[in-house]
Protein backbone atom coordinates (compact mmCIF):
# COMPACT_ATOMS: atom_id res chain seq x y z
CA UNK A 1 44.43 80.38 106.53
CA UNK A 2 44.67 82.75 103.72
CA UNK A 3 43.91 81.24 100.27
CA UNK A 4 47.28 82.12 98.44
CA UNK A 5 47.82 81.29 94.77
CA UNK A 6 50.45 79.47 92.85
CA UNK A 7 53.20 81.99 92.30
CA UNK A 8 55.34 83.59 95.05
CA UNK A 9 54.58 87.20 95.87
CA UNK A 10 57.10 89.91 94.87
CA UNK A 11 59.77 89.93 97.63
CA UNK A 12 63.45 90.50 98.15
CA UNK A 13 65.80 87.63 99.07
CA UNK A 14 65.76 88.16 102.87
CA UNK A 15 66.07 84.80 104.58
CA UNK A 16 63.26 83.36 106.79
CA UNK A 17 65.29 83.27 109.75
CA UNK A 18 64.65 87.07 110.43
CA UNK A 19 60.97 86.19 110.72
CA UNK A 20 61.00 82.71 112.19
CA UNK A 21 60.34 83.78 115.76
CA UNK A 22 57.34 85.94 114.97
CA UNK A 23 55.89 83.02 112.84
CA UNK A 24 56.19 80.42 115.54
CA UNK A 25 54.59 82.88 118.02
CA UNK A 26 51.67 83.41 115.86
CA UNK A 27 51.11 79.77 115.21
CA UNK A 28 51.54 79.04 118.81
CA UNK A 29 48.79 81.63 119.53
CA UNK A 30 46.57 80.07 116.99
CA UNK A 31 46.75 76.62 118.46
CA UNK A 32 48.93 75.23 115.55
CA UNK A 33 51.60 72.66 116.21
CA UNK A 34 54.76 73.40 114.31
CA UNK A 35 57.54 70.70 114.24
CA UNK A 36 60.85 72.59 114.24
CA UNK A 37 63.98 70.42 113.21
CA UNK A 38 65.85 68.59 114.40
CA UNK A 39 63.00 66.69 115.92
CA UNK A 40 62.84 66.08 119.74
CA UNK A 41 62.51 63.00 121.75
CA UNK A 42 58.79 62.81 121.19
CA UNK A 43 59.17 61.78 117.64
CA UNK A 44 58.72 58.15 116.74
CA UNK A 45 59.79 55.94 113.67
CA UNK A 46 63.54 56.87 113.96
CA UNK A 47 64.49 54.93 111.00
CA UNK A 48 62.58 52.99 108.27
CA UNK A 49 61.12 53.49 104.87
CA UNK A 50 60.07 56.89 103.90
CA UNK A 51 57.78 57.21 100.80
CA UNK A 52 58.53 60.21 98.70
CA UNK A 53 56.02 61.17 95.91
CA UNK A 54 57.91 63.40 93.38
CA UNK A 55 57.76 64.91 89.91
CA UNK A 56 61.60 65.36 89.72
CA UNK A 57 62.97 63.67 86.53
CA UNK A 58 63.97 60.05 86.95
CA UNK A 59 67.61 60.84 85.91
CA UNK A 60 67.84 63.54 88.67
CA UNK A 61 66.54 61.10 91.31
CA UNK A 62 68.93 58.47 90.24
CA UNK A 63 71.86 60.89 90.38
CA UNK A 64 70.75 62.38 93.72
CA UNK A 65 70.00 59.22 95.41
CA UNK A 66 73.63 58.30 96.40
CA UNK A 67 74.06 61.93 97.83
CA UNK A 68 70.84 61.65 99.66
CA UNK A 69 71.87 58.28 101.14
CA UNK A 70 75.23 59.45 102.38
CA UNK A 71 73.56 62.31 104.12
CA UNK A 72 70.95 60.04 105.66
CA UNK A 73 73.71 57.69 106.88
CA UNK A 74 74.86 60.53 109.26
CA UNK A 75 71.38 62.13 110.08
CA UNK A 76 69.12 58.88 110.24
CA UNK A 77 70.94 55.64 110.04
CA UNK A 78 68.88 52.97 108.66
CA UNK A 79 66.50 55.19 106.84
CA UNK A 80 65.87 54.40 103.16
CA UNK A 81 63.66 56.21 100.57
CA UNK A 82 61.16 54.80 98.08
CA UNK A 83 60.16 57.05 95.39
CA UNK A 84 56.98 57.28 93.32
CA UNK A 85 57.74 59.38 90.24
CA UNK A 86 55.39 61.08 87.83
CA UNK A 87 54.22 64.40 86.52
CA UNK A 88 52.88 66.84 89.15
CA UNK A 89 49.23 66.53 88.17
CA UNK A 90 49.52 62.62 87.88
CA UNK A 91 51.07 62.52 91.35
CA UNK A 92 48.26 64.89 92.51
CA UNK A 93 45.64 62.50 91.07
CA UNK A 94 47.22 59.52 92.61
CA UNK A 95 47.50 61.00 96.11
CA UNK A 96 43.90 62.54 95.94
CA UNK A 97 42.58 59.10 95.21
CA UNK A 98 44.47 57.49 97.98
CA UNK A 99 43.53 60.16 100.48
CA UNK A 100 39.83 59.67 99.41
CA UNK A 101 40.13 56.02 99.97
CA UNK A 102 41.20 56.43 103.59
CA UNK A 103 44.96 56.93 103.57
CA UNK A 104 48.19 57.34 101.50
CA UNK A 105 51.53 55.80 102.09
CA UNK A 106 53.12 59.25 101.11
CA UNK A 107 55.24 60.84 103.69
CA UNK A 108 57.11 63.52 101.62
CA UNK A 109 55.39 65.42 98.75
CA UNK A 110 57.95 66.82 96.36
CA UNK A 111 56.25 68.28 93.11
CA UNK A 112 55.99 71.46 91.16
CA UNK A 113 52.38 72.76 91.54
CA UNK A 114 52.31 75.28 94.45
CA UNK A 115 48.59 75.72 94.27
CA UNK A 116 48.09 72.00 95.02
CA UNK A 117 50.07 72.46 98.14
CA UNK A 118 47.85 75.31 99.36
CA UNK A 119 44.70 73.17 98.82
CA UNK A 120 46.23 70.42 100.81
CA UNK A 121 46.97 72.88 103.40
CA UNK A 122 43.52 74.17 103.37
CA UNK A 123 42.20 70.56 103.80
CA UNK A 124 44.63 69.87 106.77
CA UNK A 125 46.56 67.26 104.94
CA UNK A 126 50.08 68.84 105.65
CA UNK A 127 52.13 68.85 108.78
CA UNK A 128 53.76 72.26 109.62
CA UNK A 129 57.53 71.92 109.89
CA UNK A 130 60.40 74.49 109.80
CA UNK A 131 63.50 72.76 108.51
CA UNK A 132 66.71 74.46 109.64
CA UNK A 133 67.82 74.36 105.94
CA UNK A 134 64.64 76.29 105.00
CA UNK A 135 65.86 79.30 107.01
CA UNK A 136 68.20 80.20 104.47
CA UNK A 137 65.47 80.66 101.76
CA UNK A 138 63.74 83.96 100.78
CA UNK A 139 60.61 84.53 102.64
CA UNK A 140 58.53 84.39 99.44
CA UNK A 141 59.58 80.67 98.89
CA UNK A 142 58.43 79.29 102.43
CA UNK A 143 54.88 79.01 103.35
CA UNK A 144 54.11 81.72 106.02
CA UNK A 145 52.38 78.91 108.17
CA UNK A 146 55.20 76.52 107.86
CA UNK A 147 53.25 73.96 105.78
CA UNK A 148 55.92 73.77 103.00
CA UNK A 149 59.19 75.20 101.87
CA UNK A 150 60.91 75.10 98.43
CA UNK A 151 63.02 72.33 97.27
CA UNK A 152 63.98 73.55 93.74
CA UNK A 153 62.80 76.17 91.35
CA UNK A 154 62.06 75.82 87.55
CA UNK A 155 61.99 78.62 85.24
CA UNK A 156 59.55 79.12 82.28
CA UNK A 157 61.27 80.73 79.25
CA UNK A 158 61.01 80.79 75.48
CA UNK A 159 62.60 78.06 73.46
CA UNK A 160 63.65 78.82 69.80
CA UNK A 161 63.81 76.19 67.25
CA UNK A 162 67.33 75.67 65.46
CA UNK A 163 65.25 75.63 62.28
CA UNK A 164 63.82 79.24 62.74
CA UNK A 165 65.44 81.77 60.48
CA UNK A 166 63.12 84.72 61.36
CA UNK A 167 63.27 87.46 64.02
CA UNK A 168 63.40 85.85 67.35
CA UNK A 169 60.66 86.71 69.78
CA UNK A 170 61.98 88.84 72.78
CA UNK A 171 59.08 88.50 75.24
CA UNK A 172 56.02 86.18 75.89
CA UNK A 173 53.91 88.97 74.42
CA UNK A 174 55.81 88.53 71.12
CA UNK A 175 54.54 85.07 70.76
CA UNK A 176 51.32 86.40 69.52
CA UNK A 177 53.04 87.50 66.33
CA UNK A 178 51.17 86.08 63.27
CA UNK A 179 54.53 84.93 61.75
CA UNK A 180 55.45 82.68 64.67
CA UNK A 181 54.45 79.02 65.07
CA UNK A 182 54.12 78.54 68.84
CA UNK A 183 53.84 75.56 71.16
CA UNK A 184 53.65 74.86 74.73
CA UNK A 185 52.65 72.08 77.25
CA UNK A 186 49.28 71.10 78.47
CA UNK A 187 48.46 72.65 81.76
CA UNK A 188 45.79 69.92 82.44
CA UNK A 189 48.65 67.38 82.73
CA UNK A 190 51.83 69.44 83.55
CA UNK A 191 52.06 71.42 86.94
CA UNK A 192 54.73 73.58 85.67
CA UNK A 193 52.84 74.44 82.65
CA UNK A 194 49.75 75.00 84.79
CA UNK A 195 51.73 77.43 86.93
CA UNK A 196 53.03 79.27 83.91
CA UNK A 197 49.57 79.61 82.33
CA UNK A 198 48.29 81.08 85.60
CA UNK A 199 51.03 83.57 85.71
CA UNK A 200 50.80 84.61 82.04
CA UNK A 201 46.91 84.78 82.20
CA UNK A 202 47.40 87.29 84.89
CA UNK A 203 50.28 89.17 83.04
CA UNK A 204 48.89 89.14 79.44
CA UNK A 205 45.26 88.18 79.91
CA UNK A 206 43.21 85.21 78.47
CA UNK A 207 42.79 86.97 75.09
CA UNK A 208 46.43 86.58 74.58
CA UNK A 209 45.94 82.75 74.79
CA UNK A 210 42.97 83.11 72.37
CA UNK A 211 45.26 84.87 69.86
CA UNK A 212 47.69 81.84 70.26
CA UNK A 213 44.83 79.33 69.74
CA UNK A 214 43.60 81.28 66.69
CA UNK A 215 46.94 81.08 64.86
CA UNK A 216 47.24 77.15 65.48
CA UNK A 217 49.43 77.12 68.58
CA UNK A 218 49.83 73.47 69.71
CA UNK A 219 49.34 72.79 73.56
CA UNK A 220 50.14 69.18 74.31
CA UNK A 221 52.25 67.11 76.49
CA UNK A 222 54.95 68.22 78.82
CA UNK A 223 58.48 69.71 78.43
CA UNK A 224 59.78 66.82 76.55
CA UNK A 225 57.03 66.98 73.93
CA UNK A 226 57.77 70.73 73.45
CA UNK A 227 61.28 70.38 72.92
CA UNK A 228 60.60 67.54 70.30
CA UNK A 229 58.48 70.12 68.29
CA UNK A 230 61.16 72.81 68.58
CA UNK A 231 63.85 70.29 67.46
CA UNK A 232 61.97 69.14 64.43
CA UNK A 233 60.93 72.55 63.36
CA UNK A 234 57.14 71.87 63.90
CA UNK A 235 57.11 75.04 65.94
CA UNK A 236 59.44 78.09 65.71
CA UNK A 237 59.12 79.03 69.36
CA UNK A 238 57.78 77.47 72.65
CA UNK A 239 56.99 78.06 76.15
CA UNK A 240 59.30 75.64 77.96
CA UNK A 241 61.40 75.08 80.99
CA UNK A 242 64.85 76.62 80.96
CA UNK A 243 65.99 73.28 82.57
CA UNK A 244 64.73 71.19 79.57
CA UNK A 245 66.63 73.49 77.12
CA UNK A 246 69.84 73.42 79.21
CA UNK A 247 69.68 69.55 79.54
CA UNK A 248 69.16 69.19 75.88
CA UNK A 249 71.86 71.50 75.07
CA UNK A 250 74.23 69.41 77.08
CA UNK A 251 73.46 66.39 74.82
CA UNK A 252 74.04 68.45 71.67
CA UNK A 253 70.64 70.18 71.02
CA UNK A 254 70.68 73.49 69.25
CA UNK A 255 67.54 74.67 70.62
CA UNK A 256 68.23 78.14 72.14
CA UNK A 257 66.75 79.82 75.32
CA UNK A 258 65.52 83.44 75.35
CA UNK A 259 65.07 85.00 78.75
CA UNK A 260 61.73 87.12 78.05
CA UNK A 261 62.08 90.76 78.51
CA UNK A 262 58.63 90.79 80.30
CA UNK A 263 59.95 88.37 82.69
CA UNK A 264 60.63 84.63 83.10
CA UNK A 265 58.04 82.72 85.14
CA UNK A 266 59.69 81.43 88.39
CA UNK A 267 57.99 78.16 89.45
CA UNK A 268 58.72 76.95 93.07
CA UNK A 269 58.88 72.99 93.52
CA UNK A 270 57.50 72.88 97.22
CA UNK A 271 58.34 70.04 99.63
CA UNK A 272 55.90 69.09 102.43
CA UNK A 273 55.22 66.39 105.10
CA UNK A 274 52.02 64.69 104.83
CA UNK A 275 49.88 63.57 107.98
CA UNK A 276 51.33 60.10 107.78
CA UNK A 277 54.67 61.47 108.67
CA UNK A 278 53.34 63.43 111.66
CA UNK A 279 55.56 61.53 114.18
CA UNK A 280 58.11 60.14 111.76
CA UNK A 281 61.73 61.31 112.55
CA UNK A 282 62.96 59.57 109.37
CA UNK A 283 60.59 61.47 107.20
CA UNK A 284 61.96 64.81 108.70
CA UNK A 285 65.44 63.54 108.17
CA UNK A 286 64.68 62.94 104.55
CA UNK A 287 63.05 66.45 104.23
CA UNK A 288 66.22 68.02 105.92
CA UNK A 289 68.44 66.17 103.75
CA UNK A 290 66.69 67.12 100.48
CA UNK A 291 67.18 70.72 101.45
CA UNK A 292 70.65 70.18 102.57
CA UNK A 293 73.65 71.81 100.60
CA UNK A 294 74.84 68.65 99.29
CA UNK A 295 71.63 67.52 97.65
CA UNK A 296 70.67 71.00 96.67
CA UNK A 297 74.09 71.16 94.71
CA UNK A 298 73.27 67.87 92.99
CA UNK A 299 69.78 69.07 91.96
CA UNK A 300 71.25 72.09 90.49
CA UNK A 301 74.22 70.43 88.71
CA UNK A 302 72.25 67.46 87.36
CA UNK A 303 68.74 68.80 86.97
CA UNK A 304 69.46 72.38 85.81
CA UNK A 305 67.17 73.87 88.37
CA UNK A 306 67.86 76.75 90.70
CA UNK A 307 68.26 76.00 94.36
CA UNK A 308 66.10 78.12 96.75
CA UNK A 309 69.33 78.63 98.72
CA UNK A 310 70.82 81.84 97.68
CA UNK A 311 74.32 80.69 98.52
CA UNK A 312 74.17 78.06 95.82
CA UNK A 313 75.01 79.38 92.38
CA UNK A 314 72.41 78.76 89.53
CA UNK A 315 72.80 76.48 86.68
CA UNK A 316 75.27 77.48 84.00
CA UNK A 317 73.41 79.71 81.55
CA UNK A 318 70.70 80.57 83.93
CA UNK A 319 69.98 83.94 85.62
CA UNK A 320 70.76 84.35 89.33
CA UNK A 321 67.98 83.51 91.92
CA UNK A 322 67.54 87.30 92.90
CA UNK A 323 66.80 88.31 89.33
CA UNK A 324 64.37 85.28 89.07
CA UNK A 325 62.33 86.33 92.13
CA UNK A 326 62.35 90.08 91.25
CA UNK A 327 60.43 89.36 88.12
CA UNK A 328 57.76 87.09 89.75
CA UNK A 329 54.18 87.84 89.54
CA UNK A 330 51.76 88.78 92.28
CA UNK A 331 49.42 85.88 93.11
CA UNK A 332 46.73 85.02 90.58
CA UNK A 333 43.25 85.67 91.66
CA UNK A 334 42.09 82.34 90.03
CA UNK A 335 42.22 78.76 91.46
CA UNK A 336 43.94 76.15 89.65
CA UNK A 337 40.68 74.61 88.80
CA UNK A 338 39.47 77.87 87.14
CA UNK A 339 42.68 78.24 85.19
CA UNK A 340 42.32 74.61 83.84
CA UNK A 341 38.80 75.26 82.99
CA UNK A 342 39.49 78.49 80.98
CA UNK A 343 42.37 77.07 79.19
CA UNK A 344 40.40 73.98 78.33
CA UNK A 345 37.54 76.14 77.00
CA UNK A 346 40.07 77.96 74.66
CA UNK A 347 42.13 75.19 73.46
CA UNK A 348 40.12 72.06 73.47
CA UNK A 349 36.48 72.81 72.96
């Protein structure tokens, strides 16, 4: 299988359905087994507990749970979901440790580090599955081998402190200006920041990050920490998720969002089945339910993230999905490990 990197390739919003049949034929010829939902009679574990490892915000999980449960009452009566929630990198660390120890209870993985899914795919940890709901997604958001689809999209933009009175930056490149105090998250602990750093290192080069470091840029924590530094005026501008800004503004925050003229960074949040779920109809039902219109609309409304389904409108104040994907980068040539290593050498050594 190809070694694809973290960001979706530039592509139009054509749905996957147009290429599903050729994909299945190729996989069949290669000897791969792809589960196509709804599952058939050969599936086992028709109901029971499904373990989902996720980086979705706890507040979003709590709000989505009733919608998900209602959907499962119809699709898979008796199925219930148990969640393990943490940041994408911490979820990956736990899952890697469990797999190295002989097995993990994780059935469904739902985080925001696409490169991690590609590593798991190369290691044979994922079960190829084509959910009917995934057929509505643009081709760039579904793995060509069927190992994962996209459950949500985050968008990395520029946040502006309400205490900043100077000229606003209009692009990511502008953040290198000497008059701006800048902040961002730590890609060593945040999956979305890692993907954004990979994209911006391809777009602007590592020397741009060296300029940021030389002028005292703070790289620490996740989106919440970045927002705190913007709110307090510790930083004038920051690289932060649009959803963080929109959620904060709904609570009264004055942090403003700037959609960069050189393109926001689209960060897919994939969904995949782990090997433990190979013969679990309940796990497939949860996967399908998360991609269903009802749950997707709840994620957009409550999490302020884009849905990969083009028919579902974006959050208020966010650009449409088509505009987001049109500005996405070609895949980075560097692995996640190399991105972390280079960033660490610039900022923390």
